Amino acid sequence: MISTDGDAAAARWLLSPEAVRTQAHGLLAAAERNELQHFSFDAGRLGFAADYVTGTIRQNYPALDIPYHARWRHFVVDGTDRWAASPPASLDDPLERARIRIDLAVTSVLLDAGAGDAWRYRDAKTGKSIARSEGLAIASLDAFLDGLFSADVDQPARTDAPALTAIDDASLAAAFQVTDENPLAGLSGRTGLLNRLGHTLQDKPQFFAADAPRIGNLADHFVSLARDGTLPAATILTTLLEAFADIWPGRLEMAGRNLGDTWRHPAAHRQDAADGHVPFHKLSQWLSYSLVEPLSELGLAVTGPDDLTGLAEYRNGGLMIDTGLLRPKHDGILSTLHEPGSEIIVEWRALTVALLDRLADAVRERLGKTPAELPLAAVLEGGTWAAGRRIARETRTDGSPPLNIVSDGSVF
């Protein structure tokens, strides 16, 4: 098929936070008209859901001093910030410190797809067995500090191209304590993602430098993009989507561009080539939130954080189902194992993104806060993500999400 200028424009648009929000709210509007096939929206439950999230925020952050939802939160174990407690010696130089933190953040976020219900990581420092996102965080931090992602023995705390391209299932399994009795969902998918990441570092010197390419060289690139010391959050996301476009496996393409975390849904209407497409860019958006702190520490002011959207993942999405905001329309939705690209999952994720905006407004009203005082990233951290986990534990003994999703190591 021959690409047109319209295809190129639609592809650029789909790789933006504006497209994520627009398509998500389009599906929510369809749900309000009861036009969707898989979920109905019960607006009468919005007050209950907002009260539940607000209560979770007050419980976790009584002073309302809520940080952004970022990978750095998951490096805290029993009140100890493990990243801050184990700083590499080279952190004295501000730019190198930013490079190291970006090396870690990107690697850890990209390894954070759903671990599955059975996997645990035994933390050598506390003896605790840690599951899910926090377990993956500590496992990736330990592997990072031990030099798994660095080809330079004198600088173990870095993530560079030679090390990433050399990683195999066995080395990643050893670092993450994977055995037959302790299986990690999507292990090979994670390995493939890291391998493709390594090749991308080599192939895109404009982002990662031609000499000794590493992820952390994005710090230098972001400094070059800043104007008068400011950097829009949307620019962080679009830069990451361009820089890492080639690492996503088997995804939709348009005008020769990999659309990443973008999927099809028949109710996602547009009057251009983006018709039927629903983008999420969940990992890339969470990574964007996670880069705010190292870039701010470097002296850049990140503006427009609410131009990014809520994250379409199973804790936020589970909250929508468990609070009754979303109701399955037919049998099997909650008992069947779904592929990430299935129409059911795309519909659920899109409704989640749109409802996170609605919930954020309702939560701010209850707390007497403005969007500037309580940005969406803080609502995610203090409220919806934690509330999704909390209500899952109250609803199901194992705390699992209400929907069962196949993890390929690159989406959730």
Protein backbone atom coordinates (compact mmCIF):
# COMPACT_ATOMS: atom_id res chain seq x y z
CA MET A 1 0.00 0.00 0.00
CA ILE A 2 1.31 3.44 -0.97
CA SER A 3 1.59 5.89 1.91
CA THR A 4 0.14 9.36 1.47
CA ASP A 5 0.77 12.68 3.16
CA GLY A 6 -2.47 12.04 5.04
CA ASP A 7 -1.08 8.76 6.35
CA ALA A 8 2.08 10.50 7.55
CA ALA A 9 0.08 13.20 9.32
CA ALA A 10 -2.19 10.61 10.95
CA ALA A 11 0.82 8.59 12.11
CA ARG A 12 2.39 11.69 13.68
CA TRP A 13 -0.88 12.46 15.43
CA LEU A 14 -1.29 8.90 16.75
CA LEU A 15 2.16 9.24 18.33
CA SER A 16 1.01 12.09 20.57
CA PRO A 17 -0.70 12.41 23.96
CA GLU A 18 -3.45 14.45 22.29
CA ALA A 19 -4.40 11.41 20.21
CA VAL A 20 -4.48 9.17 23.30
CA ARG A 21 -6.90 11.50 25.07
CA THR A 22 -9.05 12.26 22.01
CA GLN A 23 -9.62 8.64 21.01
CA ALA A 24 -10.22 7.54 24.60
CA HIS A 25 -12.85 10.21 25.19
CA GLY A 26 -14.44 9.31 21.87
CA LEU A 27 -15.00 5.76 23.13
CA LEU A 28 -16.31 7.06 26.45
CA ALA A 29 -18.84 9.18 24.55
CA ALA A 30 -19.89 6.04 22.68
CA ALA A 31 -20.25 4.22 26.02
CA GLU A 32 -22.47 7.03 27.30
CA ARG A 33 -24.69 6.42 24.26
CA ASN A 34 -24.57 2.67 25.04
CA GLU A 35 -23.02 1.97 21.64
CA LEU A 36 -20.10 -0.22 22.74
CA GLN A 37 -20.17 -4.00 22.53
CA HIS A 38 -18.30 -5.03 25.65
CA PHE A 39 -18.67 -2.48 28.49
CA SER A 40 -21.37 -0.17 29.74
CA PHE A 41 -20.62 2.98 31.73
CA ASP A 42 -22.51 3.64 34.96
CA ALA A 43 -22.14 7.38 35.60
CA GLY A 44 -23.99 6.96 38.89
CA ARG A 45 -20.93 5.21 40.33
CA LEU A 46 -18.59 8.14 39.69
CA GLY A 47 -19.22 9.63 43.14
CA PHE A 48 -18.45 6.34 44.89
CA ALA A 49 -15.28 5.85 42.85
CA ALA A 50 -14.14 9.43 43.54
CA ASP A 51 -14.80 9.00 47.27
CA TYR A 52 -12.84 5.74 47.27
CA VAL A 53 -9.85 7.31 45.50
CA THR A 54 -9.97 10.40 47.74
CA GLY A 55 -10.00 8.18 50.82
CA THR A 56 -6.99 6.29 49.50
CA ILE A 57 -5.12 9.55 48.95
CA ARG A 58 -5.88 10.78 52.47
CA GLN A 59 -4.75 7.44 53.88
CA ASN A 60 -1.47 7.35 51.95
CA TYR A 61 -0.67 11.08 51.87
CA PRO A 62 -2.50 12.84 54.73
CA ALA A 63 -0.55 16.06 54.07
CA LEU A 64 -1.40 15.78 50.36
CA ASP A 65 2.30 16.03 49.50
CA ILE A 66 1.94 13.58 46.64
CA PRO A 67 4.82 12.94 44.22
CA TYR A 68 4.36 11.99 40.58
CA HIS A 69 3.52 8.42 39.65
CA ALA A 70 7.00 7.32 38.64
CA ARG A 71 9.31 4.33 38.79
CA TRP A 72 11.23 5.93 41.64
CA ARG A 73 8.36 5.18 44.06
CA HIS A 74 8.83 1.44 43.52
CA PHE A 75 12.46 1.51 44.66
CA VAL A 76 11.26 2.12 48.23
CA VAL A 77 11.14 -1.01 50.42
CA ASP A 78 9.96 -0.84 54.05
CA GLY A 79 10.39 2.93 54.01
CA THR A 80 13.96 2.82 52.65
CA ASP A 81 14.67 4.37 49.26
CA ARG A 82 16.97 1.73 47.84
CA TRP A 83 18.13 3.92 44.96
CA ALA A 84 19.09 6.76 47.29
CA ALA A 85 20.76 4.30 49.66
CA SER A 86 23.01 2.83 46.95
CA PRO A 87 24.21 5.74 44.82
CA PRO A 88 26.99 5.09 42.29
CA ALA A 89 30.15 7.07 42.98
CA SER A 90 29.84 9.02 39.70
CA LEU A 91 26.68 10.83 40.81
CA ASP A 92 28.69 13.91 41.84
CA ASP A 93 28.54 15.34 38.29
CA PRO A 94 24.97 16.67 37.70
CA LEU A 95 24.83 15.71 34.02
CA GLU A 96 26.29 12.26 34.62
CA ARG A 97 23.86 11.82 37.51
CA ALA A 98 20.98 12.55 35.12
CA ARG A 99 22.42 10.10 32.58
CA ILE A 100 22.64 7.35 35.20
CA ARG A 101 19.12 7.97 36.48
CA ILE A 102 17.76 7.88 32.91
CA ASP A 103 19.75 4.69 32.23
CA LEU A 104 18.03 3.11 35.22
CA ALA A 105 14.54 4.55 34.71
CA VAL A 106 14.22 3.49 31.09
CA THR A 107 15.56 0.00 31.68
CA SER A 108 13.41 -0.57 34.75
CA VAL A 109 10.21 0.75 33.15
CA LEU A 110 10.71 -1.34 30.01
CA LEU A 111 11.09 -4.42 32.21
CA ASP A 112 7.90 -3.63 34.11
CA ALA A 113 5.30 -5.41 32.00
CA GLY A 114 3.04 -7.66 34.09
CA ALA A 115 5.01 -10.30 36.00
CA GLY A 116 2.11 -12.72 36.44
CA ASP A 117 0.57 -13.97 39.66
CA ALA A 118 3.21 -16.59 40.51
CA TRP A 119 6.50 -14.66 40.28
CA ARG A 120 8.32 -13.28 43.32
CA TYR A 121 11.72 -11.64 43.86
CA ARG A 122 13.51 -12.41 47.10
CA ASP A 123 15.21 -9.24 48.26
CA ALA A 124 18.61 -10.09 49.74
CA LYS A 125 18.67 -6.99 51.93
CA THR A 126 15.34 -7.55 53.70
CA GLY A 127 14.63 -11.21 53.04
CA LYS A 128 11.20 -10.24 51.75
CA SER A 129 9.62 -11.85 48.70
CA ILE A 130 8.29 -8.98 46.59
CA ALA A 131 5.74 -9.44 43.81
CA ARG A 132 4.55 -7.53 40.77
CA SER A 133 5.76 -4.02 39.97
CA GLU A 134 7.73 -3.48 43.17
CA GLY A 135 9.45 -6.84 42.77
CA LEU A 136 10.35 -6.05 39.18
CA ALA A 137 11.65 -2.65 40.30
CA ILE A 138 14.00 -4.04 42.95
CA ALA A 139 15.13 -6.84 40.65
CA SER A 140 15.94 -4.36 37.90
CA LEU A 141 17.69 -2.01 40.34
CA ASP A 142 19.87 -4.83 41.69
CA ALA A 143 20.69 -5.97 38.16
CA PHE A 144 21.51 -2.39 37.15
CA LEU A 145 23.85 -1.79 40.09
CA ASP A 146 25.47 -5.21 39.49
CA GLY A 147 26.34 -4.22 35.92
CA LEU A 148 24.02 -6.51 33.93
CA PHE A 149 23.22 -3.69 31.49
CA SER A 150 26.75 -2.25 31.21
CA ALA A 151 29.64 -3.41 29.07
CA ASP A 152 32.06 -1.23 31.05
CA VAL A 153 33.32 -3.08 34.11
CA ASP A 154 34.53 0.20 35.59
CA GLN A 155 31.05 1.75 35.31
CA PRO A 156 28.51 -0.93 36.17
CA ALA A 157 25.64 1.50 36.79
CA ARG A 158 24.79 2.29 33.18
CA THR A 159 22.79 0.84 30.29
CA ASP A 160 24.65 0.65 26.99
CA ALA A 161 24.24 -0.94 23.58
CA PRO A 162 26.81 -3.78 23.79
CA ALA A 163 25.40 -5.11 27.06
CA LEU A 164 21.78 -4.92 25.92
CA THR A 165 22.40 -6.74 22.65
CA ALA A 166 24.24 -9.51 24.54
CA ILE A 167 21.50 -10.21 27.11
CA ASP A 168 19.78 -13.58 26.71
CA ASP A 169 16.96 -15.37 28.50
CA ALA A 170 19.37 -17.17 30.81
CA SER A 171 21.11 -14.02 32.08
CA LEU A 172 17.83 -12.17 32.57
CA ALA A 173 16.26 -15.19 34.27
CA ALA A 174 19.19 -15.44 36.67
CA ALA A 175 18.95 -11.76 37.58
CA PHE A 176 15.19 -12.01 38.15
CA GLN A 177 15.40 -15.35 40.01
CA VAL A 178 13.23 -17.11 37.44
CA THR A 179 12.80 -20.87 37.84
CA ASP A 180 10.16 -23.43 36.92
CA GLU A 181 8.66 -22.82 40.36
CA ASN A 182 9.02 -19.04 40.04
CA PRO A 183 7.95 -18.24 36.45
CA LEU A 184 8.04 -14.69 35.11
CA ALA A 185 5.42 -13.92 32.47
CA GLY A 186 6.88 -12.76 29.17
CA LEU A 187 10.54 -13.51 29.96
CA SER A 188 11.52 -13.99 26.32
CA GLY A 189 9.52 -10.91 25.37
CA ARG A 190 11.54 -8.86 27.86
CA THR A 191 14.81 -10.24 26.51
CA GLY A 192 13.78 -9.42 22.96
CA LEU A 193 12.77 -5.91 24.02
CA LEU A 194 16.19 -5.30 25.60
CA ASN A 195 17.99 -6.73 22.55
CA ARG A 196 16.04 -4.46 20.19
CA LEU A 197 16.72 -1.56 22.55
CA GLY A 198 20.45 -2.22 22.24
CA HIS A 199 20.27 -2.14 18.45
CA THR A 200 18.22 1.07 18.60
CA LEU A 201 20.95 2.74 20.69
CA GLN A 202 23.42 1.88 17.95
CA ASP A 203 21.13 2.95 15.11
CA LYS A 204 20.05 6.35 16.46
CA PRO A 205 23.12 8.40 17.39
CA GLN A 206 21.03 11.58 17.27
CA PHE A 207 19.51 10.47 20.59
CA PHE A 208 22.10 8.17 22.14
CA ALA A 209 25.48 9.40 20.71
CA ALA A 210 27.66 7.68 18.14
CA ASP A 211 30.51 7.03 20.57
CA ALA A 212 29.62 4.59 23.37
CA PRO A 213 25.84 4.78 22.88
CA ARG A 214 23.83 4.52 26.06
CA ILE A 215 20.29 5.37 27.12
CA GLY A 216 21.46 8.06 29.52
CA ASN A 217 22.72 10.22 26.66
CA LEU A 218 19.07 11.22 26.29
CA ALA A 219 19.84 13.68 29.09
CA ASP A 220 22.10 15.63 26.73
CA HIS A 221 19.43 15.49 24.01
CA PHE A 222 16.73 16.84 26.32
CA VAL A 223 19.01 19.69 27.39
CA SER A 224 19.39 20.59 23.70
CA LEU A 225 15.59 20.60 23.25
CA ALA A 226 14.91 22.87 26.23
CA ARG A 227 14.12 26.52 25.61
CA ASP A 228 14.95 29.01 28.36
CA GLY A 229 15.33 26.08 30.73
CA THR A 230 11.83 24.69 30.07
CA LEU A 231 10.81 21.42 28.47
CA PRO A 232 7.16 20.48 27.73
CA ALA A 233 6.08 17.09 29.05
CA ALA A 234 4.56 16.32 25.65
CA THR A 235 8.00 16.84 24.08
CA ILE A 236 9.45 14.25 26.44
CA LEU A 237 6.83 11.73 25.29
CA THR A 238 7.08 12.40 21.57
CA THR A 239 10.88 12.22 21.81
CA LEU A 240 10.72 8.87 23.57
CA LEU A 241 8.21 7.53 21.05
CA GLU A 242 10.52 8.49 18.20
CA ALA A 243 13.69 7.30 19.92
CA PHE A 244 12.29 3.90 20.90
CA ALA A 245 9.90 3.30 17.98
CA ASP A 246 11.78 0.27 16.69
CA ILE A 247 11.82 -1.74 19.92
CA TRP A 248 8.10 -2.64 19.89
CA PRO A 249 7.39 -6.07 18.36
CA GLY A 250 4.83 -6.82 15.66
CA ARG A 251 2.84 -3.62 15.99
CA LEU A 252 0.70 -1.58 13.64
CA GLU A 253 2.55 0.62 11.17
CA MET A 254 1.47 3.66 9.17
CA ALA A 255 3.52 5.63 6.67
CA GLY A 256 6.51 3.49 7.59
CA ARG A 257 6.27 4.33 11.29
CA ASN A 258 5.83 1.82 14.09
CA LEU A 259 2.78 3.00 16.06
CA GLY A 260 3.86 1.26 19.26
CA ASP A 261 1.11 0.82 21.85
CA THR A 262 -1.66 1.56 19.31
CA TRP A 263 -4.50 -0.85 18.54
CA ARG A 264 -7.71 -1.10 16.54
CA HIS A 265 -11.29 -0.58 17.67
CA PRO A 266 -14.28 -0.11 15.32
CA ALA A 267 -15.85 2.63 17.46
CA ALA A 268 -12.76 4.89 17.34
CA HIS A 269 -13.98 7.14 14.55
CA ARG A 270 -11.89 9.73 12.72
CA GLN A 271 -12.20 11.50 9.37
CA ASP A 272 -8.64 10.59 8.39
CA ALA A 273 -6.25 7.63 8.27
CA ALA A 274 -6.33 7.39 12.07
CA ASP A 275 -9.90 6.05 11.86
CA GLY A 276 -10.26 2.87 13.90
CA HIS A 277 -6.98 3.40 15.78
CA VAL A 278 -6.64 3.81 19.55
CA PRO A 279 -3.20 4.77 20.96
CA PHE A 280 -2.18 4.41 24.61
CA HIS A 281 1.65 4.54 24.82
CA LYS A 282 1.36 3.35 28.41
CA LEU A 283 4.99 2.41 29.08
CA SER A 284 6.27 5.48 27.22
CA GLN A 285 3.99 7.80 29.18
CA TRP A 286 4.94 6.23 32.50
CA LEU A 287 8.55 6.61 31.44
CA SER A 288 7.89 10.27 30.65
CA TYR A 289 6.52 10.78 34.16
CA SER A 290 9.56 8.94 35.54
CA LEU A 291 12.00 11.25 33.73
CA VAL A 292 10.55 14.42 35.23
CA GLU A 293 12.58 14.05 38.45
CA PRO A 294 16.03 13.48 36.91
CA LEU A 295 15.44 16.26 34.37
CA SER A 296 14.17 18.63 37.05
CA GLU A 297 17.19 17.79 39.19
CA LEU A 298 19.32 18.76 36.20
CA GLY A 299 17.70 22.20 36.24
CA LEU A 300 15.03 21.83 33.54
CA ALA A 301 11.47 22.95 34.30
CA VAL A 302 9.04 20.39 32.88
CA THR A 303 5.85 22.19 31.83
CA GLY A 304 2.36 20.96 30.94
CA PRO A 305 2.42 17.65 32.81
CA ASP A 306 -1.35 17.22 32.36
CA ASP A 307 -0.90 17.16 28.59
CA LEU A 308 0.04 13.53 29.25
CA THR A 309 -2.79 11.13 30.07
CA GLY A 310 -3.64 8.54 32.65
CA LEU A 311 -2.09 5.12 32.22
CA ALA A 312 -4.09 2.35 30.58
CA GLU A 313 -2.93 -0.54 32.75
CA TYR A 314 -4.54 -3.18 34.93
CA ARG A 315 -4.57 -1.34 38.29
CA ASN A 316 -6.26 1.77 36.94
CA GLY A 317 -8.46 -0.32 34.67
CA GLY A 318 -9.27 -2.73 37.46
CA LEU A 319 -10.43 0.19 39.59
CA MET A 320 -13.00 1.10 36.93
CA ILE A 321 -14.50 -2.39 36.96
CA ASP A 322 -14.26 -3.02 40.70
CA THR A 323 -15.97 0.28 41.56
CA GLY A 324 -18.76 -0.45 39.09
CA LEU A 325 -17.98 2.44 36.75
CA LEU A 326 -17.56 -0.12 33.97
CA ARG A 327 -19.79 -3.17 33.71
CA PRO A 328 -19.10 -6.12 31.38
CA LYS A 329 -21.90 -6.64 28.89
CA HIS A 330 -21.50 -10.35 28.27
CA ASP A 331 -20.29 -13.54 29.90
CA GLY A 332 -16.64 -14.47 29.66
CA ILE A 333 -15.12 -11.00 29.85
CA LEU A 334 -13.94 -11.54 33.42
CA SER A 335 -13.09 -15.23 33.07
CA THR A 336 -11.38 -15.47 29.67
CA LEU A 337 -7.68 -14.87 28.99
CA HIS A 338 -7.45 -11.92 26.59
CA GLU A 339 -4.74 -10.85 24.15
CA PRO A 340 -3.59 -7.21 24.53
CA GLY A 341 -4.91 -6.33 21.08
CA SER A 342 -8.36 -7.85 21.56
CA GLU A 343 -11.29 -5.49 21.08
CA ILE A 344 -12.35 -6.09 24.70
CA ILE A 345 -8.99 -4.99 26.10
CA VAL A 346 -8.69 -1.98 23.77
CA GLU A 347 -12.17 -0.85 24.79
CA TRP A 348 -11.41 -1.31 28.49
CA ARG A 349 -8.11 0.54 28.28
CA ALA A 350 -9.58 3.47 26.34
CA LEU A 351 -12.45 3.88 28.79
CA THR A 352 -9.93 3.76 31.63
CA VAL A 353 -7.90 6.64 30.19
CA ALA A 354 -10.98 8.83 29.74
CA LEU A 355 -12.43 7.98 33.16
CA LEU A 356 -9.13 8.84 34.83
CA ASP A 357 -9.66 12.42 33.63
CA ARG A 358 -13.20 12.40 35.05
CA LEU A 359 -12.02 10.93 38.35
CA ALA A 360 -9.15 13.41 38.63
CA ASP A 361 -11.58 16.33 38.35
CA ALA A 362 -13.89 14.80 40.97
CA VAL A 363 -11.02 14.06 43.36
CA ARG A 364 -9.65 17.60 43.05
CA GLU A 365 -13.09 18.97 43.86
CA ARG A 366 -13.24 16.85 47.01
CA LEU A 367 -9.76 17.91 48.08
CA GLY A 368 -10.15 21.57 47.14
CA LYS A 369 -7.22 21.45 44.74
CA THR A 370 -6.63 22.87 41.28
CA PRO A 371 -5.01 20.89 38.45
CA ALA A 372 -1.82 22.88 39.03
CA GLU A 373 -1.86 21.91 42.72
CA LEU A 374 -2.80 18.27 42.06
CA PRO A 375 -1.70 17.25 38.56
CA LEU A 376 -2.89 14.02 37.03
CA ALA A 377 0.44 12.29 37.73
CA ALA A 378 -0.11 12.90 41.45
CA VAL A 379 -3.70 11.64 41.28
CA LEU A 380 -2.37 8.46 39.67
CA GLU A 381 0.28 7.94 42.36
CA GLY A 382 -1.69 8.91 45.46
CA GLY A 383 -5.05 7.72 44.29
CA THR A 384 -6.10 5.65 41.33
CA TRP A 385 -3.20 3.21 41.05
CA ALA A 386 -3.10 2.61 44.80
CA ALA A 387 -6.90 2.49 44.96
CA GLY A 388 -6.95 -0.08 42.15
CA ARG A 389 -4.62 -2.31 44.11
CA ARG A 390 -6.53 -1.73 47.36
CA ILE A 391 -9.96 -2.58 45.95
CA ALA A 392 -8.54 -5.63 44.13
CA ARG A 393 -7.37 -7.01 47.48
CA GLU A 394 -10.74 -6.27 49.04
CA THR A 395 -12.57 -7.94 46.14
CA ARG A 396 -10.35 -10.99 45.44
CA THR A 397 -8.22 -12.83 47.98
CA ASP A 398 -5.12 -12.84 45.74
CA GLY A 399 -5.46 -9.17 44.79
CA SER A 400 -5.42 -10.03 41.09
CA PRO A 401 -6.97 -7.73 38.48
CA PRO A 402 -10.56 -8.43 37.41
CA LEU A 403 -9.49 -9.10 33.82
CA ASN A 404 -6.98 -11.73 32.72
CA ILE A 405 -4.49 -10.51 30.12
CA VAL A 406 -1.72 -12.30 28.26
CA SER A 407 1.58 -10.56 28.98
CA ASP A 408 4.08 -10.47 26.12
CA GLY A 409 6.57 -8.46 28.19
CA SER A 410 6.00 -5.25 26.27
CA VAL A 411 2.53 -3.80 27.04
CA PHE A 412 1.28 -3.99 30.63
